[in-house]
Amino acid sequence: MLILMKSNASADQLGAVAARVAEIGLTAHPLQSASRTVVAVTGELNGHDPALFSSLPGVAKVMRLTVAFKLAAREVREEDTVVDVAGVKIGAGQKLAVMAGPCSFESPQQVLAIARAVKAAGATIMRGGLFKPRTSPFSFQGLGKDGFKLMDDVRRETGLKFVTEAMDEEGLELVEQHADMIQIGARNMQNFSLLRKAGKARKPVLLKRGMSATLEEWLTAADYVLSGGNTQVVLCERGIRTFATHTRNTLDLSAVPAVKELSHLPVIVDPSHGTGFRQYVAPMALAAVAAGADGIMVEVHNDPDKAKSDGGQSLYLEQFSELMQAIPAVAKAVNRAV
């Protein structure tokens, strides 16, 4: 349910509406923007008529939300949300956000070499896994806690911001302390206890689409984070599992305009996991820019042939530099800033 307040509604009237919502066992989420003030109401209505709020002072209109996701819905917030990753702004027509780095941190030498290169090419956020969810338990699982000091050291030298994945609630606390953005991976998109924990975090969240998730399921997962009070959520399309075998996953670029129609949250694209093959990453990254993505997330390695994970989909340093040089022409064609 969505309660639209009058333009001249007072703070007391807004408070009274929120209090009435709480009285009947629902949760009020007051949201104010430049154009309007609304109260999103979540919880089981249990037969309560939305008209119950229509007569309250300051209320202009009460509407039912027909979509399963509530707080992520475009109806709740008309303006696009801008997510601030330690000074790097994502969404609402901001400059294209570029996140680049290895699938996983392997050594200080590897991380520093890649960080310097992606920074020079124009990336502002470095990606890199410390806790790696792998299909096989015998595959390289990341540096774990030992990687956080390395992350801190590289940030101090390069100024890059960092996004890394949290695998569980304990790991999320560590990621929140050291990283600039918390990633919830595709395999954890519906790990509801982890999503609730992320909703209490003080850092932005990057929520990857599950491998078989519909847009509704993806946005409803975002609601778990938003309902905890963390409004800083970026969605990441990273390919879905289909019958196709020519790529690792099927990168669903149609999700970008579709989600922007449904939701106010920023959307970025990961063409590395979306394709799984190095030769397809740059073309699909450029296509993501043309489709209106708010950013891209690209795997880059200084020696992909020896990478401990995902080397086959990681760009060489020079390939990433070439991609960054190609992006402005595509962005200009669709009136985007980079």
Protein backbone atom coordinates (compact mmCIF):
# COMPACT_ATOMS: atom_id res chain seq x y z
CA MET A 1 0.00 0.00 0.00
CA LEU A 2 1.16 3.53 -0.76
CA ILE A 3 -0.07 6.63 1.07
CA LEU A 4 0.53 9.83 -0.86
CA MET A 5 0.73 12.91 1.36
CA LYS A 6 -0.48 16.37 0.36
CA SER A 7 2.18 18.85 -0.70
CA ASN A 8 1.50 20.99 2.39
CA ALA A 9 1.35 18.07 4.85
CA SER A 10 3.18 18.80 8.09
CA ALA A 11 5.74 16.64 9.87
CA ASP A 12 3.15 16.02 12.61
CA GLN A 13 0.63 14.77 10.08
CA LEU A 14 3.25 12.48 8.54
CA GLY A 15 4.06 11.17 11.99
CA ALA A 16 0.41 10.57 12.75
CA VAL A 17 0.02 8.51 9.59
CA ALA A 18 3.07 6.42 10.49
CA ALA A 19 1.72 5.92 13.99
CA ARG A 20 -1.67 4.77 12.67
CA VAL A 21 0.07 2.29 10.39
CA ALA A 22 1.96 0.89 13.37
CA GLU A 23 -1.24 0.65 15.44
CA ILE A 24 -2.71 -1.96 13.11
CA GLY A 25 0.48 -4.02 12.99
CA LEU A 26 1.97 -2.81 9.72
CA THR A 27 5.29 -1.09 9.00
CA ALA A 28 5.53 2.47 7.69
CA HIS A 29 8.37 3.60 5.43
CA PRO A 30 8.17 7.41 5.03
CA LEU A 31 9.95 8.52 1.86
CA GLN A 32 10.49 12.15 0.97
CA SER A 33 11.76 13.49 -2.34
CA ALA A 34 11.87 16.82 -4.12
CA SER A 35 8.49 16.22 -5.72
CA ARG A 36 6.43 14.40 -3.07
CA THR A 37 6.20 12.65 0.28
CA VAL A 38 4.81 9.12 0.52
CA VAL A 39 4.46 6.43 3.14
CA ALA A 40 5.03 2.93 1.83
CA VAL A 41 3.21 0.39 3.98
CA THR A 42 4.44 -3.20 4.23
CA GLY A 43 3.04 -6.21 6.04
CA GLU A 44 -0.11 -8.31 5.84
CA LEU A 45 -3.17 -6.09 5.44
CA ASN A 46 -5.40 -8.85 6.88
CA GLY A 47 -8.57 -7.29 5.54
CA HIS A 48 -7.75 -3.69 6.49
CA ASP A 49 -9.26 -1.32 3.96
CA PRO A 50 -6.75 1.19 2.51
CA ALA A 51 -9.54 3.78 2.86
CA LEU A 52 -8.80 3.60 6.58
CA PHE A 53 -6.05 6.18 5.97
CA SER A 54 -7.84 8.37 3.42
CA SER A 55 -9.48 10.59 6.01
CA LEU A 56 -6.34 11.27 8.04
CA PRO A 57 -5.15 14.89 7.94
CA GLY A 58 -2.51 15.50 5.29
CA VAL A 59 -3.34 12.42 3.21
CA ALA A 60 -4.00 13.05 -0.49
CA LYS A 61 -4.46 9.54 -1.82
CA VAL A 62 -4.11 5.87 -0.86
CA MET A 63 -3.16 3.26 -3.46
CA ARG A 64 -2.63 -0.47 -3.48
CA LEU A 65 0.68 -1.71 -4.87
CA THR A 66 -0.05 -4.58 -7.22
CA VAL A 67 3.54 -5.80 -7.61
CA ALA A 68 5.11 -8.27 -5.19
CA PHE A 69 8.05 -5.97 -4.54
CA LYS A 70 7.08 -2.83 -2.66
CA LEU A 71 9.99 -0.61 -1.64
CA ALA A 72 11.93 -1.19 -4.86
CA ALA A 73 8.89 -0.27 -6.96
CA ARG A 74 8.86 2.75 -9.25
CA GLU A 75 5.48 3.75 -7.82
CA VAL A 76 7.06 4.25 -4.41
CA ARG A 77 9.82 6.50 -5.66
CA GLU A 78 9.43 8.37 -8.95
CA GLU A 79 12.99 9.71 -8.97
CA ASP A 80 15.90 7.36 -9.65
CA THR A 81 17.91 6.46 -6.56
CA VAL A 82 21.54 7.57 -6.48
CA VAL A 83 23.83 5.21 -4.61
CA ASP A 84 26.99 6.69 -3.08
CA VAL A 85 29.95 4.32 -2.85
CA ALA A 86 32.37 6.38 -0.77
CA GLY A 87 32.05 9.30 -3.17
CA VAL A 88 31.42 7.36 -6.40
CA LYS A 89 27.82 8.07 -7.44
CA ILE A 90 25.80 5.41 -9.30
CA GLY A 91 22.40 5.93 -10.93
CA ALA A 92 20.08 8.74 -12.04
CA GLY A 93 22.21 9.79 -14.99
CA GLN A 94 25.46 9.99 -13.05
CA LYS A 95 28.69 9.14 -14.85
CA LEU A 96 29.00 5.51 -15.88
CA ALA A 97 30.39 3.53 -12.94
CA VAL A 98 33.16 1.12 -13.89
CA MET A 99 34.05 -1.69 -11.51
CA ALA A 100 37.05 -3.76 -12.58
CA GLY A 101 39.44 -6.27 -11.10
CA PRO A 102 40.19 -9.97 -10.70
CA CYS A 103 37.68 -12.66 -9.86
CA SER A 104 39.67 -13.21 -6.68
CA PHE A 105 42.61 -11.70 -4.86
CA GLU A 106 45.60 -14.02 -5.14
CA SER A 107 48.66 -12.10 -3.93
CA PRO A 108 49.77 -8.55 -3.07
CA GLN A 109 51.73 -8.31 -6.33
CA GLN A 110 48.76 -9.41 -8.42
CA VAL A 111 46.27 -7.07 -6.74
CA LEU A 112 48.52 -4.02 -6.86
CA ALA A 113 49.44 -4.54 -10.52
CA ILE A 114 45.78 -4.83 -11.52
CA ALA A 115 44.72 -1.92 -9.30
CA ARG A 116 47.25 0.42 -10.84
CA ALA A 117 46.23 -0.61 -14.37
CA VAL A 118 42.46 -0.33 -13.96
CA LYS A 119 42.85 2.98 -12.14
CA ALA A 120 44.97 4.35 -14.99
CA ALA A 121 42.37 3.17 -17.51
CA GLY A 122 39.55 4.97 -15.69
CA ALA A 123 37.90 2.53 -13.29
CA THR A 124 36.77 4.00 -9.96
CA ILE A 125 35.79 0.84 -8.08
CA MET A 126 37.86 -2.34 -7.85
CA ARG A 127 36.18 -5.72 -7.65
CA GLY A 128 37.88 -8.73 -6.16
CA GLY A 129 36.72 -11.72 -4.18
CA LEU A 130 38.14 -12.59 -0.79
CA PHE A 131 35.58 -15.30 -0.03
CA LYS A 132 34.89 -17.23 -3.23
CA PRO A 133 31.81 -19.43 -3.71
CA ARG A 134 33.06 -22.20 -6.01
CA THR A 135 31.21 -25.09 -7.56
CA SER A 136 33.89 -27.49 -6.35
CA PRO A 137 35.05 -27.49 -2.69
CA PHE A 138 38.56 -28.24 -3.95
CA SER A 139 38.83 -25.07 -6.06
CA PHE A 140 40.61 -21.94 -4.81
CA GLN A 141 38.34 -20.31 -2.23
CA GLY A 142 40.04 -16.90 -1.94
CA LEU A 143 42.40 -15.31 0.58
CA GLY A 144 39.65 -14.86 3.15
CA LYS A 145 40.34 -12.54 6.07
CA ASP A 146 43.98 -12.12 5.04
CA GLY A 147 42.81 -10.14 2.02
CA PHE A 148 41.34 -7.26 4.00
CA LYS A 149 44.70 -5.72 4.92
CA LEU A 150 45.70 -5.98 1.28
CA MET A 151 42.49 -4.20 0.31
CA ASP A 152 43.17 -1.41 2.80
CA ASP A 153 46.76 -1.00 1.57
CA VAL A 154 45.78 -0.82 -2.11
CA ARG A 155 42.99 1.66 -1.37
CA ARG A 156 45.46 3.97 0.37
CA GLU A 157 47.86 3.90 -2.58
CA THR A 158 45.41 4.11 -5.49
CA GLY A 159 42.29 5.78 -4.10
CA LEU A 160 40.14 3.05 -5.62
CA LYS A 161 36.98 2.00 -3.80
CA PHE A 162 36.34 -1.71 -3.24
CA VAL A 163 33.41 -4.07 -3.68
CA THR A 164 33.70 -7.66 -2.49
CA GLU A 165 31.30 -10.49 -1.77
CA ALA A 166 29.95 -11.49 1.61
CA MET A 167 29.21 -15.21 1.79
CA ASP A 168 27.51 -15.34 5.18
CA GLU A 169 26.47 -13.12 8.08
CA GLU A 170 29.85 -13.30 9.83
CA GLY A 171 31.66 -12.46 6.62
CA LEU A 172 29.29 -9.58 5.95
CA GLU A 173 30.42 -7.88 9.15
CA LEU A 174 34.04 -8.06 7.98
CA VAL A 175 33.18 -6.84 4.49
CA GLU A 176 31.23 -3.95 5.96
CA GLN A 177 34.26 -2.93 8.05
CA HIS A 178 36.79 -3.00 5.23
CA ALA A 179 35.07 -2.70 1.83
CA ASP A 180 33.21 0.28 0.39
CA MET A 181 30.40 -1.85 -1.03
CA ILE A 182 28.97 -5.23 -0.04
CA GLN A 183 28.27 -7.70 -2.82
CA ILE A 184 25.54 -10.31 -2.48
CA GLY A 185 26.28 -12.92 -5.13
CA ALA A 186 23.92 -14.73 -7.47
CA ARG A 187 23.97 -17.88 -5.35
CA ASN A 188 22.93 -15.85 -2.29
CA MET A 189 20.28 -13.68 -3.92
CA GLN A 190 17.60 -15.45 -1.90
CA ASN A 191 19.64 -16.03 1.25
CA PHE A 192 17.07 -14.09 3.24
CA SER A 193 18.96 -13.97 6.54
CA LEU A 194 21.99 -12.54 4.71
CA LEU A 195 19.79 -10.00 2.91
CA ARG A 196 18.26 -8.88 6.21
CA LYS A 197 21.75 -8.49 7.66
CA ALA A 198 22.74 -6.38 4.64
CA GLY A 199 19.66 -4.26 5.30
CA LYS A 200 21.17 -3.23 8.62
CA ALA A 201 24.60 -2.49 7.15
CA ARG A 202 26.00 1.01 6.78
CA LYS A 203 27.52 0.34 3.36
CA PRO A 204 25.90 0.17 -0.09
CA VAL A 205 24.87 -3.25 -1.38
CA LEU A 206 25.43 -4.72 -4.84
CA LEU A 207 22.74 -7.36 -5.40
CA LYS A 208 23.43 -9.77 -8.22
CA ARG A 209 20.57 -11.45 -10.03
CA GLY A 210 20.19 -15.16 -9.27
CA MET A 211 21.00 -17.60 -12.04
CA SER A 212 17.33 -18.53 -12.53
CA ALA A 213 15.64 -15.49 -10.98
CA THR A 214 12.79 -13.58 -12.56
CA LEU A 215 12.84 -9.80 -12.35
CA GLU A 216 10.10 -9.96 -9.72
CA GLU A 217 12.15 -12.34 -7.56
CA TRP A 218 15.23 -10.15 -7.97
CA LEU A 219 13.41 -6.96 -6.96
CA THR A 220 11.66 -8.70 -4.08
CA ALA A 221 15.10 -9.78 -2.83
CA ALA A 222 16.10 -6.11 -2.97
CA ASP A 223 13.09 -5.35 -0.76
CA TYR A 224 14.66 -7.46 1.99
CA VAL A 225 17.62 -5.07 2.06
CA LEU A 226 15.51 -1.93 1.66
CA SER A 227 13.09 -2.96 4.41
CA GLY A 228 15.99 -3.09 6.87
CA GLY A 229 16.64 0.61 6.32
CA ASN A 230 19.51 0.39 3.83
CA THR A 231 18.32 2.37 0.81
CA GLN A 232 21.65 2.12 -1.01
CA VAL A 233 21.12 -0.86 -3.32
CA VAL A 234 22.53 -1.40 -6.81
CA LEU A 235 21.21 -4.26 -8.95
CA CYS A 236 23.59 -6.28 -11.13
CA GLU A 237 22.52 -8.31 -14.16
CA ARG A 238 25.10 -11.10 -14.56
CA GLY A 239 23.43 -13.58 -16.87
CA ILE A 240 20.86 -16.28 -16.30
CA ARG A 241 20.97 -20.02 -16.93
CA THR A 242 19.23 -21.09 -20.14
CA PHE A 243 19.48 -23.93 -22.66
CA ALA A 244 22.15 -22.02 -24.61
CA THR A 245 25.69 -23.44 -24.54
CA HIS A 246 27.64 -20.90 -26.59
CA THR A 247 28.17 -18.78 -23.47
CA ARG A 248 28.52 -19.55 -19.78
CA ASN A 249 25.22 -17.80 -19.04
CA THR A 250 22.76 -15.84 -21.14
CA LEU A 251 23.30 -12.14 -20.51
CA ASP A 252 19.85 -10.58 -20.32
CA LEU A 253 20.41 -6.99 -21.43
CA SER A 254 16.66 -6.53 -21.84
CA ALA A 255 16.55 -6.60 -18.04
CA VAL A 256 18.20 -3.17 -17.93
CA PRO A 257 15.35 -1.11 -19.48
CA ALA A 258 12.76 -3.45 -17.97
CA VAL A 259 14.06 -2.98 -14.43
CA LYS A 260 14.37 0.76 -14.93
CA GLU A 261 10.68 0.80 -15.83
CA LEU A 262 9.75 -1.26 -12.78
CA SER A 263 12.15 0.17 -10.19
CA HIS A 264 14.00 3.29 -9.09
CA LEU A 265 17.19 1.37 -8.22
CA PRO A 266 20.38 1.66 -10.32
CA VAL A 267 21.27 -1.28 -12.59
CA ILE A 268 24.74 -2.35 -13.70
CA VAL A 269 25.84 -5.24 -15.92
CA ASP A 270 28.52 -7.91 -15.44
CA PRO A 271 29.43 -9.14 -18.96
CA SER A 272 32.24 -11.33 -17.61
CA HIS A 273 29.98 -13.77 -15.75
CA GLY A 274 27.24 -13.08 -18.26
CA THR A 275 29.25 -14.56 -21.13
CA GLY A 276 32.09 -16.54 -19.57
CA PHE A 277 34.39 -15.97 -22.54
CA ARG A 278 36.96 -13.19 -22.82
CA GLN A 279 36.22 -12.42 -26.48
CA TYR A 280 32.59 -11.59 -25.72
CA VAL A 281 33.14 -9.37 -22.69
CA ALA A 282 33.99 -6.08 -24.42
CA PRO A 283 31.16 -6.24 -27.02
CA MET A 284 28.60 -6.98 -24.32
CA ALA A 285 30.02 -4.28 -22.04
CA LEU A 286 29.52 -1.75 -24.83
CA ALA A 287 26.03 -3.13 -25.46
CA ALA A 288 25.24 -2.68 -21.76
CA VAL A 289 26.21 0.99 -22.00
CA ALA A 290 23.95 1.38 -25.04
CA ALA A 291 21.10 -0.37 -23.19
CA GLY A 292 21.23 2.27 -20.44
CA ALA A 293 23.11 0.48 -17.68
CA ASP A 294 24.35 2.71 -14.87
CA GLY A 295 27.67 0.88 -14.81
CA ILE A 296 29.61 -2.22 -15.77
CA MET A 297 31.52 -4.78 -13.72
CA VAL A 298 34.41 -6.40 -15.59
CA GLU A 299 36.90 -9.07 -14.59
CA VAL A 300 40.49 -8.07 -15.36
CA HIS A 301 43.72 -9.96 -14.63
CA ASN A 302 47.39 -9.25 -15.20
CA ASP A 303 47.98 -12.89 -16.19
CA PRO A 304 44.62 -14.53 -16.97
CA ASP A 305 46.20 -17.78 -18.18
CA LYS A 306 47.48 -18.38 -14.65
CA ALA A 307 44.46 -17.01 -12.77
CA LYS A 308 43.22 -19.19 -9.92
CA SER A 309 39.60 -18.55 -10.90
CA ASP A 310 37.72 -17.39 -14.00
CA GLY A 311 40.82 -16.70 -16.09
CA GLY A 312 38.98 -17.54 -19.30
CA GLN A 313 36.54 -14.65 -18.85
CA SER A 314 39.08 -12.11 -17.55
CA LEU A 315 40.37 -9.37 -19.81
CA TYR A 316 44.08 -8.75 -20.16
CA LEU A 317 45.12 -5.33 -18.85
CA GLU A 318 45.58 -3.95 -22.35
CA GLN A 319 42.15 -5.25 -23.41
CA PHE A 320 40.51 -3.44 -20.52
CA SER A 321 42.30 -0.24 -21.50
CA GLU A 322 41.02 -0.64 -25.07
CA LEU A 323 37.49 -1.19 -23.78
CA MET A 324 37.65 1.99 -21.71
CA GLN A 325 38.78 3.92 -24.78
CA ALA A 326 35.84 2.56 -26.78
CA ILE A 327 33.15 3.35 -24.20
CA PRO A 328 32.93 7.16 -24.71
CA ALA A 329 31.80 6.85 -28.35
CA VAL A 330 28.96 4.49 -27.42
CA ALA A 331 28.01 6.58 -24.40
CA LYS A 332 27.91 9.75 -26.50
CA ALA A 333 25.62 8.05 -29.02
CA VAL A 334 23.04 7.42 -26.29
CA ASN A 335 23.62 10.72 -24.42
CA ARG A 336 25.47 9.17 -21.50
CA ALA A 337 28.29 10.71 -19.45
CA VAL A 338 31.45 8.75 -18.68
